[in-house]
Amino acid sequence: MLAALVLVASRLTGQSQHLELPPRPADAPGGRALVEALSSMGPEAREARIVTEVLRGNVPDFLRRLVPVKLTHAVAGQPRTVTVFVTPDYLAVGSDADYFLTPLTPAAAQRIAGATDCRLPTRRIVDAIHAAAPLKLSPQPIPPSKEMVTLPVFARHNELVWGQRQALLAEHPLGTLVAGPKKDVVLTPQLDAKPGKAAIYGWHRPNGVAIQPLYLGHADSWVDYSHGVRLVYQTAKLDGVDKAVAELLADAKLSALLSDEGPLRAEWRASPHFGEQVMDLRLEPSVRVHLNAPSPTLLAACARLQLVLYALPNGNTIEQTVGKQLQPGDDWRFDIQHIGAQTRWLRERETNAALVVAYFEADGLSWPAWKRKHGTDKLGGFVERVRALFPGHAVTLTLNGHSGGGSFIFGYLDSHERIPAFVGRIAFLDSNYGYDDAKQHANKLLGWLKDSPRNQLCVLAYHDAIALLNGKTFVSEAGGTWGRSHAMKADFAKSLPFESTTKDGLQAHTALGGRVKFFLKENPERKILHTVQVERNGFIHSLLTGTAAEARGYDYLGARVYDGFRAP
């Protein structure tokens, strides 16, 4: 899966930001060779090949070293400064010695931006880049004609710009921030009223005057030789503190730092699968979030939104957790959770609210390890920053997670005196290892359950203390999810009466009319059922327990019902 190779965590190195694409392949063509290879292709095939080349690492080294650009603006009467990190030049394929500045449609530009933890600039950011650039090149227009959208004219303009750039290499080596050679494909709130359009702006003269005012007259399939793609890293620094660019742009006041047109809605891009839209955020260098939502039309049509925060299990990437149809050579982890397919199954049946899943991945692929290093103070802020992406919806939050993802949930509880009212469901998918009554977990959960008759808790676990790995047990009777679940239930039972049944080795313990449910799988064969509980419709079950849809059209621990919803 190409995205799994590309979505390598970008990291802060000192005060500079590095875009960590895969290393440039030894067989990667240079700019001229690629232009020749593209010459016989139509526009769609050409763009697809360029995107593939970028995502496999066929990008000059100098473009990987992002450059800081500062913007200052008074917010609520106080001067605020934000630093964004941008590519030093427009996106190119090839090597430092032989590269091709490639124009792209907004969709292709957004795909590359999303895959590299970046986004496109606004008009204000483009102006700031030009003001900050030590090297300001004069635009090189080519007389307009029907050929301006063809590859030969793209290549001709590339040579014109390279002629300018080459003459100044001694004074301004590659990696210097450059402005002026292209118009920018930009983001603007005007796109909300003009869907299907491309927004372009810039092509500044050295005196700072832009040849191209903000323009949305072309369809989003239009791309000509003058267009360029400048990447802006998803995380900025607001007064020295990491802040998501998407969050700043969505804020009614802080958006003025990065936009001269007011706030921008959350930036989504179309997924190639099932009409979905997706978004990637870097909340800080050690936390990556991937959001998956229904189509823009369906999302806009639903006033209510169920936002599921799914904290990843230990050792799994976002891509593996989403899952896909397994292909030869794929890692087995792509076929053990299928949260993406289970989400699609749910969307087809539950249409009263838009279902959005936010996958939270920690650096090192371990929330317990992340929490030991960073503590819990930031977790509430992470959740708030994702909730803020949906200002037009009534958002109900579900805290959910598998394996080590439960550590995120308990860390979130630890960071609050009371569980916030917007949390409507908490689900542990074999993940409640961190339950500790000494940390007031029972009191917080019970208080939250009593706060609203809509709040629901689901716990899935199995008898892991007797499971065998290479002939040996691997968790203690008390420390595994079996032991922690029984301890949690016992603490709850001090104030809640439970009804219990057992069928086919599955214990069901229910309280508060079904709002509290523990499903505990016995394990006489001593198998490892850790991921089986998720794969066998566990995510579906965790969201439907206590509702009229529980066990309707699926069986927990039964045959997978979502296989037709797996992405290729």
Protein backbone atom coordinates (compact mmCIF):
# COMPACT_ATOMS: atom_id res chain seq x y z
CA MET A 1 0.00 0.00 0.00
CA LEU A 2 1.72 3.10 -1.28
CA ALA A 3 0.26 5.44 1.33
CA ALA A 4 1.74 3.31 4.09
CA LEU A 5 5.18 3.92 2.64
CA VAL A 6 4.61 7.61 2.18
CA LEU A 7 2.97 8.58 5.42
CA VAL A 8 6.23 8.62 7.32
CA ALA A 9 6.09 11.01 10.24
CA SER A 10 7.48 14.43 9.43
CA ARG A 11 9.62 15.63 12.31
CA LEU A 12 10.90 18.89 13.67
CA THR A 13 14.66 19.01 13.42
CA GLY A 14 15.96 22.03 15.30
CA GLN A 15 14.04 24.97 13.84
CA SER A 16 13.60 23.46 10.38
CA GLN A 17 10.96 21.08 9.12
CA HIS A 18 11.81 18.15 6.90
CA LEU A 19 9.34 16.55 4.54
CA GLU A 20 10.16 12.87 4.86
CA LEU A 21 9.17 11.20 1.65
CA PRO A 22 10.78 7.85 0.85
CA PRO A 23 14.37 8.13 -0.44
CA ARG A 24 14.56 8.90 -4.13
CA PRO A 25 14.67 5.51 -5.93
CA ALA A 26 17.81 4.67 -7.84
CA ASP A 27 15.74 4.06 -10.99
CA ALA A 28 13.73 7.28 -10.71
CA PRO A 29 13.73 9.30 -13.94
CA GLY A 30 14.99 12.86 -13.98
CA GLY A 31 12.79 15.74 -15.05
CA ARG A 32 13.61 15.60 -18.76
CA ALA A 33 13.20 11.83 -18.98
CA LEU A 34 9.89 12.00 -17.19
CA VAL A 35 8.60 14.74 -19.51
CA GLU A 36 9.46 12.48 -22.42
CA ALA A 37 7.67 9.54 -20.80
CA LEU A 38 4.60 11.66 -20.13
CA SER A 39 4.41 13.11 -23.63
CA SER A 40 2.22 10.31 -25.01
CA MET A 41 -0.23 10.33 -22.07
CA GLY A 42 -3.56 12.07 -21.69
CA PRO A 43 -4.07 14.57 -18.83
CA GLU A 44 -5.51 12.06 -16.33
CA ALA A 45 -2.85 9.42 -16.93
CA ARG A 46 -0.15 12.10 -16.84
CA GLU A 47 -1.29 13.40 -13.46
CA ALA A 48 -1.61 9.90 -12.05
CA ARG A 49 1.99 9.15 -13.06
CA ILE A 50 3.27 12.41 -11.56
CA VAL A 51 1.49 11.74 -8.26
CA THR A 52 2.96 8.24 -8.19
CA GLU A 53 6.45 9.60 -8.82
CA VAL A 54 6.14 12.14 -6.02
CA LEU A 55 4.77 9.64 -3.51
CA ARG A 56 7.49 7.11 -4.25
CA GLY A 57 10.11 9.75 -3.51
CA ASN A 58 11.10 11.06 -6.94
CA VAL A 59 11.45 14.57 -5.55
CA PRO A 60 14.60 16.73 -5.43
CA ASP A 61 16.41 16.72 -2.11
CA PHE A 62 16.28 20.51 -1.76
CA LEU A 63 12.45 20.46 -1.72
CA ARG A 64 12.39 18.22 1.35
CA ARG A 65 13.86 20.90 3.63
CA LEU A 66 10.94 23.15 4.52
CA VAL A 67 11.48 26.83 5.26
CA PRO A 68 9.89 28.86 8.09
CA VAL A 69 7.78 31.89 7.15
CA LYS A 70 6.41 34.20 9.86
CA LEU A 71 3.08 36.01 9.75
CA THR A 72 2.04 38.57 12.38
CA HIS A 73 -1.40 39.99 13.02
CA ALA A 74 -3.28 41.62 15.90
CA VAL A 75 -5.88 39.27 17.36
CA ALA A 76 -8.27 40.74 19.92
CA GLY A 77 -5.93 43.73 20.16
CA GLN A 78 -2.85 41.63 20.89
CA PRO A 79 -0.03 40.97 18.38
CA ARG A 80 0.24 37.27 17.57
CA THR A 81 2.85 35.53 15.43
CA VAL A 82 2.46 32.28 13.56
CA THR A 83 5.28 30.46 11.77
CA VAL A 84 4.37 28.16 8.90
CA PHE A 85 6.78 25.76 7.21
CA VAL A 86 6.70 25.68 3.41
CA THR A 87 8.52 24.05 0.53
CA PRO A 88 11.29 26.38 -0.66
CA ASP A 89 10.05 26.19 -4.26
CA TYR A 90 7.09 24.80 -6.16
CA LEU A 91 6.57 21.04 -6.29
CA ALA A 92 8.86 19.27 -8.72
CA VAL A 93 9.76 15.75 -9.78
CA GLY A 94 13.29 14.60 -10.54
CA SER A 95 16.66 15.34 -8.96
CA ASP A 96 18.44 18.50 -7.82
CA ALA A 97 20.33 18.54 -11.11
CA ASP A 98 17.35 17.75 -13.33
CA TYR A 99 13.86 18.58 -12.06
CA PHE A 100 10.51 19.49 -13.56
CA LEU A 101 8.23 22.06 -11.87
CA THR A 102 4.95 20.29 -12.49
CA PRO A 103 1.55 21.99 -12.72
CA LEU A 104 -1.27 19.93 -11.18
CA THR A 105 -5.02 20.10 -10.72
CA PRO A 106 -6.29 20.91 -7.22
CA ALA A 107 -7.33 17.28 -6.65
CA ALA A 108 -3.84 15.95 -7.43
CA ALA A 109 -2.25 18.73 -5.38
CA GLN A 110 -4.52 17.91 -2.42
CA ARG A 111 -3.69 14.22 -2.65
CA ILE A 112 0.03 14.91 -2.43
CA ALA A 113 -0.49 17.46 0.34
CA GLY A 114 -2.54 15.03 2.38
CA ALA A 115 -0.05 12.21 1.91
CA THR A 116 2.83 14.36 3.14
CA ASP A 117 1.15 15.94 6.19
CA CYS A 118 0.77 19.22 4.32
CA ARG A 119 -1.91 21.46 2.86
CA LEU A 120 -2.17 24.15 0.21
CA PRO A 121 -1.63 27.85 1.04
CA THR A 122 -4.13 30.66 1.35
CA ARG A 123 -3.79 33.98 -0.44
CA ARG A 124 -2.33 35.55 2.71
CA ILE A 125 0.26 32.78 3.03
CA VAL A 126 1.25 33.22 -0.63
CA ASP A 127 1.76 36.95 -0.03
CA ALA A 128 3.83 36.23 3.09
CA ILE A 129 6.01 33.73 1.23
CA HIS A 130 6.73 36.29 -1.47
CA ALA A 131 7.55 38.97 1.10
CA ALA A 132 9.91 36.62 2.96
CA ALA A 133 11.62 35.08 -0.07
CA PRO A 134 15.27 36.13 -0.50
CA LEU A 135 14.95 35.24 -4.18
CA LYS A 136 12.12 36.87 -6.10
CA LEU A 137 12.01 35.79 -9.74
CA SER A 138 10.16 37.79 -12.36
CA PRO A 139 7.18 35.93 -13.88
CA GLN A 140 7.77 34.49 -17.36
CA PRO A 141 4.37 34.53 -19.11
CA ILE A 142 3.88 32.60 -22.34
CA PRO A 143 1.27 34.08 -24.72
CA PRO A 144 -2.11 32.40 -24.07
CA SER A 145 -3.21 29.73 -26.53
CA LYS A 146 -4.98 26.40 -26.55
CA GLU A 147 -1.54 24.77 -26.09
CA MET A 148 -1.02 26.37 -22.68
CA VAL A 149 -2.58 23.27 -21.06
CA THR A 150 -0.26 20.85 -22.83
CA LEU A 151 2.90 19.15 -21.63
CA PRO A 152 5.22 20.76 -24.22
CA VAL A 153 4.29 24.22 -22.92
CA PHE A 154 4.70 23.01 -19.33
CA ALA A 155 8.21 21.85 -20.23
CA ARG A 156 9.00 25.07 -22.08
CA HIS A 157 8.03 27.18 -19.08
CA ASN A 158 10.07 24.93 -16.82
CA GLU A 159 13.14 25.65 -18.94
CA LEU A 160 12.47 29.41 -18.81
CA VAL A 161 12.28 29.34 -15.02
CA TRP A 162 15.35 27.10 -14.76
CA GLY A 163 17.30 29.59 -16.90
CA GLN A 164 16.50 32.31 -14.35
CA ARG A 165 17.25 30.07 -11.41
CA GLN A 166 20.54 28.70 -12.79
CA ALA A 167 21.95 32.16 -13.27
CA LEU A 168 21.51 32.90 -9.56
CA LEU A 169 22.62 29.60 -8.01
CA ALA A 170 25.90 30.96 -6.67
CA GLU A 171 24.14 33.65 -4.65
CA HIS A 172 20.96 31.68 -3.92
CA PRO A 173 21.62 27.92 -3.89
CA LEU A 174 18.87 25.33 -4.14
CA GLY A 175 16.83 25.30 -0.95
CA THR A 176 16.61 29.10 -0.79
CA LEU A 177 13.01 30.28 -0.50
CA VAL A 178 11.95 31.29 -4.01
CA ALA A 179 8.83 33.20 -5.08
CA GLY A 180 7.47 34.55 -8.34
CA PRO A 181 7.86 31.81 -10.98
CA LYS A 182 4.31 30.36 -10.74
CA LYS A 183 0.74 31.08 -9.72
CA ASP A 184 -0.37 29.15 -6.64
CA VAL A 185 -3.21 26.68 -6.36
CA VAL A 186 -4.78 28.01 -3.14
CA LEU A 187 -7.48 27.42 -0.56
CA THR A 188 -10.22 30.00 -0.11
CA PRO A 189 -13.62 30.06 1.63
CA GLN A 190 -15.07 31.10 -1.74
CA LEU A 191 -14.74 27.47 -2.84
CA ASP A 192 -17.65 26.62 -0.53
CA ALA A 193 -19.98 28.55 -2.83
CA LYS A 194 -18.21 27.41 -5.99
CA PRO A 195 -17.64 23.67 -5.75
CA GLY A 196 -15.89 22.12 -8.70
CA LYS A 197 -13.73 25.18 -9.31
CA ALA A 198 -9.96 25.71 -9.13
CA ALA A 199 -8.71 28.63 -7.04
CA ILE A 200 -5.49 30.25 -8.24
CA TYR A 201 -3.64 33.34 -7.08
CA GLY A 202 -0.26 35.04 -7.28
CA TRP A 203 2.53 35.18 -9.83
CA HIS A 204 3.96 38.18 -8.02
CA ARG A 205 6.27 40.62 -9.69
CA PRO A 206 9.42 41.45 -7.68
CA ASN A 207 7.65 44.60 -6.37
CA GLY A 208 5.05 42.40 -4.66
CA VAL A 209 2.15 43.05 -7.04
CA ALA A 210 0.37 39.86 -8.11
CA ILE A 211 -0.38 39.42 -11.80
CA GLN A 212 -3.16 36.96 -10.97
CA PRO A 213 -5.85 38.11 -8.52
CA LEU A 214 -7.70 35.35 -6.72
CA TYR A 215 -9.58 33.60 -9.52
CA LEU A 216 -12.16 30.81 -9.47
CA GLY A 217 -13.25 30.94 -13.10
CA HIS A 218 -11.75 27.61 -14.18
CA ALA A 219 -13.17 24.17 -13.52
CA ASP A 220 -11.07 22.11 -11.14
CA SER A 221 -9.96 19.98 -14.09
CA TRP A 222 -8.13 22.98 -15.57
CA VAL A 223 -4.38 23.22 -15.21
CA ASP A 224 -2.00 25.28 -17.33
CA TYR A 225 1.73 25.93 -17.46
CA SER A 226 1.59 28.85 -15.01
CA HIS A 227 0.22 26.84 -12.07
CA GLY A 228 2.43 25.66 -9.22
CA VAL A 229 1.93 23.68 -6.02
CA ARG A 230 3.43 25.04 -2.81
CA LEU A 231 3.13 22.71 0.21
CA VAL A 232 2.50 24.06 3.71
CA TYR A 233 3.18 21.72 6.64
CA GLN A 234 0.08 20.86 8.71
CA THR A 235 1.61 22.02 12.01
CA ALA A 236 2.53 25.66 12.54
CA LYS A 237 3.91 27.43 15.60
CA LEU A 238 1.61 29.98 17.21
CA ASP A 239 3.72 32.20 19.45
CA GLY A 240 6.20 29.32 19.60
CA VAL A 241 3.64 26.60 20.44
CA ASP A 242 2.66 23.84 17.99
CA LYS A 243 -0.78 24.38 16.48
CA ALA A 244 -2.61 22.68 13.61
CA VAL A 245 -2.95 24.95 10.57
CA ALA A 246 -6.47 23.57 10.00
CA GLU A 247 -7.43 24.55 13.53
CA LEU A 248 -6.08 28.08 13.10
CA LEU A 249 -7.91 28.52 9.81
CA ALA A 250 -11.21 27.32 11.30
CA ASP A 251 -10.98 29.70 14.28
CA ALA A 252 -13.12 32.84 13.99
CA LYS A 253 -10.34 35.06 15.39
CA LEU A 254 -7.04 33.27 14.85
CA SER A 255 -7.84 32.60 11.17
CA ALA A 256 -6.86 36.22 10.46
CA LEU A 257 -3.23 35.20 10.95
CA LEU A 258 -3.34 32.96 7.88
CA SER A 259 -6.34 34.13 5.88
CA ASP A 260 -7.43 37.58 4.72
CA GLU A 261 -10.87 36.17 3.81
CA GLY A 262 -12.04 34.94 7.19
CA PRO A 263 -12.18 31.36 8.51
CA LEU A 264 -11.97 28.31 6.27
CA ARG A 265 -13.92 25.15 6.82
CA ALA A 266 -11.97 22.02 7.62
CA GLU A 267 -10.07 20.92 4.57
CA TRP A 268 -11.27 17.59 3.26
CA ARG A 269 -10.15 15.75 0.17
CA ALA A 270 -12.07 13.18 -1.80
CA SER A 271 -11.23 9.55 -1.13
CA PRO A 272 -11.16 7.20 -4.13
CA HIS A 273 -13.32 4.73 -2.18
CA PHE A 274 -17.05 4.67 -1.41
CA GLY A 275 -17.61 8.39 -1.96
CA GLU A 276 -15.90 9.23 1.33
CA GLN A 277 -13.84 12.27 2.21
CA VAL A 278 -10.73 12.21 4.37
CA MET A 279 -8.44 14.59 6.20
CA ASP A 280 -4.99 14.20 7.77
CA LEU A 281 -3.75 16.28 10.68
CA ARG A 282 -0.55 16.45 12.69
CA LEU A 283 -1.62 17.68 16.13
CA GLU A 284 2.02 17.77 17.16
CA PRO A 285 5.10 15.95 15.82
CA SER A 286 4.26 12.85 17.88
CA VAL A 287 0.52 12.57 17.14
CA ARG A 288 -1.06 11.89 13.74
CA VAL A 289 -4.80 11.90 13.09
CA HIS A 290 -6.68 10.62 10.05
CA LEU A 291 -10.37 11.48 9.70
CA ASN A 292 -12.82 9.60 7.51
CA ALA A 293 -16.26 11.11 6.84
CA PRO A 294 -19.16 10.47 4.49
CA SER A 295 -19.43 12.50 1.29
CA PRO A 296 -19.71 16.30 1.56
CA THR A 297 -23.39 16.12 0.59
CA LEU A 298 -24.25 13.55 3.23
CA LEU A 299 -22.17 15.29 5.88
CA ALA A 300 -23.81 18.64 5.22
CA ALA A 301 -27.29 17.08 5.29
CA CYS A 302 -26.91 15.77 8.85
CA ALA A 303 -27.23 18.26 11.69
CA ARG A 304 -26.07 15.59 14.16
CA LEU A 305 -22.62 14.08 13.96
CA GLN A 306 -21.23 11.05 15.77
CA LEU A 307 -17.49 11.51 16.04
CA VAL A 308 -15.67 8.32 16.97
CA LEU A 309 -12.19 8.85 18.32
CA TYR A 310 -10.48 5.51 17.66
CA ALA A 311 -7.19 5.22 19.54
CA LEU A 312 -4.92 2.81 17.70
CA PRO A 313 -3.69 -0.51 19.08
CA ASN A 314 -0.02 -1.03 19.81
CA GLY A 315 2.13 -1.70 16.77
CA ASN A 316 -0.44 -0.75 14.12
CA THR A 317 -0.43 2.19 11.73
CA ILE A 318 -3.52 4.12 10.72
CA GLU A 319 -3.49 2.47 7.31
CA GLN A 320 -3.37 -1.01 8.83
CA THR A 321 -6.15 -0.14 11.26
CA VAL A 322 -8.40 1.16 8.49
CA GLY A 323 -7.71 -2.09 6.62
CA LYS A 324 -8.15 -3.15 2.99
CA GLN A 325 -8.41 -6.16 0.77
CA LEU A 326 -5.26 -8.12 1.44
CA GLN A 327 -2.91 -8.47 -1.55
CA PRO A 328 0.14 -10.73 -1.93
CA GLY A 329 3.02 -9.26 0.04
CA ASP A 330 0.84 -7.08 2.27
CA ASP A 331 1.45 -7.02 6.01
CA TRP A 332 -1.06 -9.22 7.87
CA ARG A 333 -2.09 -6.26 10.02
CA PHE A 334 -4.14 -4.87 7.12
CA ASP A 335 -6.58 -7.75 7.68
CA ILE A 336 -7.16 -7.84 11.45
CA GLN A 337 -9.35 -4.82 12.29
CA HIS A 338 -11.05 -3.36 9.22
CA ILE A 339 -12.38 -0.32 11.04
CA GLY A 340 -12.87 1.35 7.65
CA ALA A 341 -15.11 -1.42 6.32
CA GLN A 342 -17.03 -1.76 9.58
CA THR A 343 -17.64 2.00 9.51
CA ARG A 344 -19.06 1.77 5.99
CA TRP A 345 -21.35 -1.07 7.06
CA LEU A 346 -22.64 1.10 9.90
CA ARG A 347 -23.16 4.11 7.64
CA GLU A 348 -25.36 2.12 5.30
CA ARG A 349 -27.70 1.18 8.14
CA GLU A 350 -27.56 4.07 10.58
CA THR A 351 -28.44 7.29 8.77
CA ASN A 352 -29.77 9.54 11.54
CA ALA A 353 -26.34 11.04 12.19
CA ALA A 354 -23.18 11.43 10.15
CA LEU A 355 -20.55 8.93 11.33
CA VAL A 356 -17.01 10.30 11.31
CA VAL A 357 -14.05 8.28 12.57
CA ALA A 358 -10.85 9.98 13.74
CA TYR A 359 -7.94 7.55 13.95
CA PHE A 360 -5.40 8.67 16.58
CA GLU A 361 -1.86 7.33 16.09
CA ALA A 362 0.96 7.96 18.58
CA ASP A 363 4.63 8.22 17.70
CA GLY A 364 6.18 4.79 18.21
CA LEU A 365 2.76 3.18 17.62
CA SER A 366 2.07 2.89 21.35
CA TRP A 367 -0.24 5.09 23.39
CA PRO A 368 1.02 3.62 26.70
CA ALA A 369 4.61 4.54 25.75
CA TRP A 370 3.51 7.97 24.50
CA LYS A 371 1.68 8.64 27.76
CA ARG A 372 4.69 7.66 29.86
CA LYS A 373 6.77 10.20 27.95
CA HIS A 374 4.28 13.05 27.59
CA GLY A 375 1.73 12.58 30.37
CA THR A 376 -2.00 13.21 29.98
CA ASP A 377 -2.29 17.01 30.02
CA LYS A 378 -2.42 17.35 26.23
CA LEU A 379 -5.05 14.70 25.55
CA GLY A 380 -8.04 16.91 26.24
CA GLY A 381 -6.65 19.53 23.88
CA PHE A 382 -6.20 16.93 21.15
CA VAL A 383 -9.85 15.98 21.39
CA GLU A 384 -10.98 19.60 21.40
CA ARG A 385 -8.94 20.39 18.32
CA VAL A 386 -10.64 17.61 16.37
CA ARG A 387 -14.12 18.51 17.67
CA ALA A 388 -13.52 22.10 16.53
CA LEU A 389 -13.38 20.92 12.93
CA PHE A 390 -17.19 20.54 12.91
CA PRO A 391 -18.59 23.92 14.00
CA GLY A 392 -21.89 23.47 12.13
CA HIS A 393 -22.88 20.17 13.73
CA ALA A 394 -24.18 18.93 17.06
CA VAL A 395 -21.25 16.60 17.85
CA THR A 396 -21.53 13.56 20.11
CA LEU A 397 -18.16 11.98 20.86
CA THR A 398 -17.45 8.27 21.20
CA LEU A 399 -14.17 7.29 22.86
CA ASN A 400 -13.13 3.97 21.40
CA GLY A 401 -9.94 1.99 21.04
CA HIS A 402 -8.32 -1.42 20.83
CA SER A 403 -5.37 -2.83 22.78
CA GLY A 404 -3.07 0.01 23.87
CA GLY A 405 -5.64 2.49 22.57
CA GLY A 406 -7.41 2.09 25.89
CA SER A 407 -4.49 3.92 27.47
CA PHE A 408 -5.55 7.03 25.54
CA ILE A 409 -9.11 6.72 26.88
CA PHE A 410 -8.01 6.37 30.50
CA GLY A 411 -5.50 9.19 30.03
CA TYR A 412 -8.34 11.38 28.78
CA LEU A 413 -10.41 10.46 31.85
CA ASP A 414 -7.43 11.21 34.10
CA SER A 415 -7.13 14.70 32.60
CA HIS A 416 -10.73 15.65 33.56
CA GLU A 417 -12.48 16.04 36.89
CA ARG A 418 -15.69 14.96 35.14
CA ILE A 419 -16.17 13.36 31.77
CA PRO A 420 -17.43 16.11 29.42
CA ALA A 421 -21.12 16.14 28.52
CA PHE A 422 -20.40 15.84 24.78
CA VAL A 423 -19.03 12.30 25.32
CA GLY A 424 -21.96 10.00 24.58
CA ARG A 425 -20.33 6.56 24.42
CA ILE A 426 -17.16 4.93 25.70
CA ALA A 427 -16.10 1.56 24.32
CA PHE A 428 -13.15 -0.64 25.24
CA LEU A 429 -12.29 -3.24 22.59
CA ASP A 430 -10.11 -5.55 24.67
CA SER A 431 -8.33 -2.41 25.81
CA ASN A 432 -9.14 -1.67 29.45
CA TYR A 433 -5.76 -2.77 30.85
CA GLY A 434 -5.35 0.65 32.46
CA TYR A 435 -8.53 0.53 34.55
CA ASP A 436 -7.66 1.61 38.10
CA ASP A 437 -10.25 2.41 40.73
CA ALA A 438 -7.52 4.20 42.69
CA LYS A 439 -7.57 6.81 39.89
CA GLN A 440 -11.32 7.29 40.34
CA HIS A 441 -12.12 5.60 37.03
CA ALA A 442 -15.25 3.91 38.41
CA ASN A 443 -16.54 7.11 40.02
CA LYS A 444 -15.96 9.14 36.86
CA LEU A 445 -17.64 6.57 34.64
CA LEU A 446 -20.59 6.09 36.99
CA GLY A 447 -21.02 9.85 37.37
CA TRP A 448 -20.98 10.25 33.61
CA LEU A 449 -23.54 7.46 33.15
CA LYS A 450 -25.85 9.16 35.63
CA ASP A 451 -25.39 12.58 33.99
CA SER A 452 -27.46 11.60 30.95
CA PRO A 453 -29.77 8.71 30.05
CA ARG A 454 -28.15 8.72 26.61
CA ASN A 455 -24.63 7.87 27.79
CA GLN A 456 -23.49 4.30 27.17
CA LEU A 457 -20.52 2.11 28.07
CA CYS A 458 -19.42 -1.05 26.24
CA VAL A 459 -16.61 -3.38 27.33
CA LEU A 460 -15.40 -6.29 25.18
CA ALA A 461 -12.80 -8.70 26.57
CA TYR A 462 -11.81 -12.36 26.65
CA HIS A 463 -10.13 -14.67 29.12
CA ASP A 464 -6.61 -13.68 28.15
CA ALA A 465 -4.96 -14.83 31.37
CA ILE A 466 -5.18 -18.48 30.22
CA ALA A 467 -4.34 -17.85 26.55
CA LEU A 468 -1.07 -19.40 25.39
CA LEU A 469 1.67 -17.89 23.26
CA ASN A 470 4.35 -20.42 22.36
CA GLY A 471 2.96 -22.63 25.10
CA LYS A 472 3.10 -19.97 27.82
CA THR A 473 0.69 -17.46 29.34
CA PHE A 474 1.54 -13.80 28.76
CA VAL A 475 -0.71 -11.74 31.05
CA SER A 476 -1.62 -12.15 34.69
CA GLU A 477 -5.09 -13.03 35.93
CA ALA A 478 -5.53 -9.53 37.32
CA GLY A 479 -3.60 -7.51 34.73
CA GLY A 480 -5.23 -8.64 31.48
CA THR A 481 -8.53 -7.37 30.15
CA TRP A 482 -10.37 -10.34 31.66
CA GLY A 483 -9.17 -9.39 35.12
CA ARG A 484 -9.59 -5.66 34.61
CA SER A 485 -13.12 -6.14 33.23
CA HIS A 486 -14.18 -8.21 36.21
CA ALA A 487 -12.66 -5.61 38.54
CA MET A 488 -14.50 -2.81 36.72
CA LYS A 489 -17.78 -4.71 36.82
CA ALA A 490 -17.35 -5.46 40.54
CA ASP A 491 -16.79 -1.76 41.27
CA PHE A 492 -19.85 -0.82 39.24
CA ALA A 493 -21.93 -3.51 40.94
CA LYS A 494 -21.55 -1.68 44.26
CA SER A 495 -24.11 0.83 42.96
CA LEU A 496 -25.60 -0.79 39.86
CA PRO A 497 -27.57 -4.06 39.70
CA PHE A 498 -26.45 -6.30 36.81
CA GLU A 499 -28.28 -8.98 34.88
CA SER A 500 -26.01 -11.74 33.57
CA THR A 501 -26.41 -14.43 30.92
CA THR A 502 -24.03 -16.81 29.17
CA LYS A 503 -24.49 -18.21 25.67
CA ASP A 504 -21.91 -20.16 23.66
CA GLY A 505 -19.23 -19.13 26.14
CA LEU A 506 -19.99 -15.41 25.89
CA GLN A 507 -20.91 -13.80 29.18
CA ALA A 508 -23.16 -10.73 28.91
CA HIS A 509 -23.46 -8.48 31.96
CA THR A 510 -26.00 -5.68 31.59
CA ALA A 511 -26.99 -2.70 33.73
CA LEU A 512 -28.98 0.53 33.42
CA GLY A 513 -31.39 -0.98 30.93
CA GLY A 514 -28.61 -1.87 28.50
CA ARG A 515 -26.63 1.35 28.74
CA VAL A 516 -23.82 -0.60 30.41
CA LYS A 517 -22.76 -3.84 28.78
CA PHE A 518 -19.81 -6.14 29.44
CA PHE A 519 -19.26 -8.94 26.91
CA LEU A 520 -16.66 -11.35 28.28
CA LYS A 521 -15.63 -14.30 26.13
CA GLU A 522 -14.64 -17.50 27.89
CA ASN A 523 -11.62 -19.26 26.44
CA PRO A 524 -11.48 -23.00 27.17
CA GLU A 525 -9.28 -23.61 24.13
CA ARG A 526 -6.77 -21.05 25.47
CA LYS A 527 -6.58 -19.19 22.15
CA ILE A 528 -5.37 -15.62 21.57
CA LEU A 529 -8.57 -13.76 20.69
CA HIS A 530 -7.18 -10.24 21.06
CA THR A 531 -7.71 -9.08 17.47
CA VAL A 532 -10.49 -11.57 16.72
CA GLN A 533 -12.79 -9.56 18.97
CA VAL A 534 -12.37 -6.54 16.69
CA GLU A 535 -12.27 -8.37 13.36
CA ARG A 536 -15.42 -10.38 14.06
CA ASN A 537 -17.71 -7.35 13.97
CA GLY A 538 -16.37 -5.98 17.24
CA PHE A 539 -16.23 -2.33 16.18
CA ILE A 540 -19.81 -2.55 14.90
CA HIS A 541 -20.91 -4.12 18.17
CA SER A 542 -19.12 -1.51 20.28
CA LEU A 543 -21.16 1.26 18.62
CA LEU A 544 -24.54 -0.47 18.62
CA THR A 545 -24.78 -2.08 22.05
CA GLY A 546 -27.71 -0.77 24.03
CA THR A 547 -29.54 0.44 20.90
CA ALA A 548 -32.36 -1.05 18.88
CA ALA A 549 -29.81 -2.00 16.23
CA GLU A 550 -27.73 -4.23 18.52
CA ALA A 551 -27.22 -7.67 16.91
CA ARG A 552 -29.39 -6.66 13.96
CA GLY A 553 -27.81 -7.94 10.74
CA TYR A 554 -24.61 -9.11 12.44
CA ASP A 555 -23.36 -11.34 15.23
CA TYR A 556 -20.58 -10.31 17.55
CA LEU A 557 -17.78 -12.91 17.15
CA GLY A 558 -19.68 -14.28 14.15
CA ALA A 559 -18.82 -14.18 10.46
CA ARG A 560 -17.58 -10.83 9.15
CA VAL A 561 -20.51 -8.94 7.66
CA TYR A 562 -18.51 -6.08 6.18
CA ASP A 563 -16.26 -7.78 3.62
CA GLY A 564 -18.06 -6.09 0.73
CA PHE A 565 -17.06 -2.72 2.19
CA ARG A 566 -13.30 -3.28 2.18
CA ALA A 567 -11.30 -0.91 -0.01
CA PRO A 568 -8.94 -2.42 -2.58
